[in-house]
Amino acid sequence: MRPPLCDPSRAARRGQFGSVIAEIEIEDGQVSNVDILASIPVQGFRNLAKETVLQWGWIADDVQPEPDCRMSRTNIILPIVFALD
């Protein structure tokens, strides 16, 4: 995924980790809506996750025939974990 999802710099300096659960919608291969359902800790990760995921896009696999490969979907639940390596 481009851009990659990274820990917020302040949280990374503190050694803090967290997670976000997002509900996304994809329209014509582009993320069209992101709703953050939960975030731990509450602040710090939710805005970064939403801003980054809104920039993501998907490209259809030429091998997968229609109608199995749909480029528009709703109600996709996306768990995101921020962890330090």
Protein backbone atom coordinates (compact mmCIF):
# COMPACT_ATOMS: atom_id res chain seq x y z
CA MET A 1 0.00 0.00 0.00
CA ARG A 2 1.27 3.42 -0.87
CA PRO A 3 1.84 5.53 1.09
CA PRO A 4 2.87 3.09 3.81
CA LEU A 5 1.21 3.34 7.18
CA CYS A 6 3.77 4.41 9.81
CA ASP A 7 3.68 5.09 13.53
CA PRO A 8 3.20 8.76 14.39
CA SER A 9 6.66 10.12 15.18
CA ARG A 10 5.77 11.25 18.71
CA ALA A 11 4.30 7.84 19.58
CA ALA A 12 7.32 6.06 18.09
CA ARG A 13 9.72 8.15 20.18
CA ARG A 14 7.77 7.19 23.30
CA GLY A 15 7.79 3.50 22.35
CA GLN A 16 4.01 3.62 22.19
CA PHE A 17 2.01 1.19 20.08
CA GLY A 18 -1.67 0.96 19.29
CA SER A 19 -4.36 -0.23 16.95
CA VAL A 20 -7.24 1.09 14.91
CA ILE A 21 -10.29 -0.62 13.48
CA ALA A 22 -11.53 1.14 10.37
CA GLU A 23 -14.53 0.60 8.13
CA ILE A 24 -13.74 1.55 4.54
CA GLU A 25 -15.55 1.85 1.25
CA ILE A 26 -13.86 1.36 -2.11
CA GLU A 27 -15.26 2.94 -5.25
CA ASP A 28 -13.62 2.16 -8.60
CA GLY A 29 -10.46 0.95 -6.83
CA GLN A 30 -10.01 4.06 -4.66
CA VAL A 31 -10.87 4.39 -0.98
CA SER A 32 -13.84 6.74 -0.90
CA ASN A 33 -14.74 6.73 2.78
CA VAL A 34 -13.00 5.82 6.05
CA ASP A 35 -14.81 5.59 9.37
CA ILE A 36 -12.68 4.85 12.45
CA LEU A 37 -14.75 2.48 14.59
CA ALA A 38 -12.24 2.11 17.44
CA SER A 39 -8.77 3.28 18.38
CA ILE A 40 -6.44 2.36 21.23
CA PRO A 41 -5.13 4.72 22.48
CA VAL A 42 -8.00 6.98 21.51
CA GLN A 43 -5.85 9.85 20.23
CA GLY A 44 -2.73 9.79 18.08
CA PHE A 45 -3.36 6.92 15.68
CA ARG A 46 -6.88 7.53 14.36
CA ASN A 47 -6.12 10.66 12.29
CA LEU A 48 -2.95 9.20 10.77
CA ALA A 49 -4.74 5.96 9.87
CA LYS A 50 -7.67 7.78 8.26
CA GLU A 51 -5.49 10.21 6.26
CA THR A 52 -3.20 7.43 5.02
CA VAL A 53 -5.90 4.88 4.13
CA LEU A 54 -7.80 7.54 2.14
CA GLN A 55 -4.77 7.68 -0.21
CA TRP A 56 -4.76 3.94 -0.91
CA GLY A 57 -6.00 2.35 -4.09
CA TRP A 58 -6.39 -1.11 -5.57
CA ILE A 59 -5.64 -2.38 -9.07
CA ALA A 60 -7.74 -5.16 -10.56
CA ASP A 61 -5.96 -8.44 -11.16
CA ASP A 62 -6.12 -9.18 -14.90
CA VAL A 63 -6.18 -12.91 -14.16
CA GLN A 64 -9.38 -12.72 -12.06
CA PRO A 65 -12.38 -12.61 -14.42
CA GLU A 66 -15.45 -10.43 -13.92
CA PRO A 67 -17.75 -10.42 -11.94
CA ASP A 68 -15.59 -11.97 -9.18
CA CYS A 69 -13.22 -9.01 -9.09
CA ARG A 70 -15.28 -6.05 -7.91
CA MET A 71 -13.54 -2.70 -7.65
CA SER A 72 -16.33 -1.14 -5.57
CA ARG A 73 -17.10 -2.51 -2.10
CA THR A 74 -18.69 -1.24 1.10
CA ASN A 75 -18.51 -2.25 4.76
CA ILE A 76 -14.92 -3.53 4.66
CA ILE A 77 -13.53 -3.87 8.18
CA LEU A 78 -9.79 -3.17 8.27
CA PRO A 79 -7.83 -3.81 11.48
CA ILE A 80 -4.58 -1.82 11.68
CA VAL A 81 -1.85 -2.45 14.26
CA PHE A 82 0.92 0.07 14.93
CA ALA A 83 3.93 -1.76 16.36
CA LEU A 84 7.60 -0.93 16.66
CA ASP A 85 10.10 -3.25 14.99
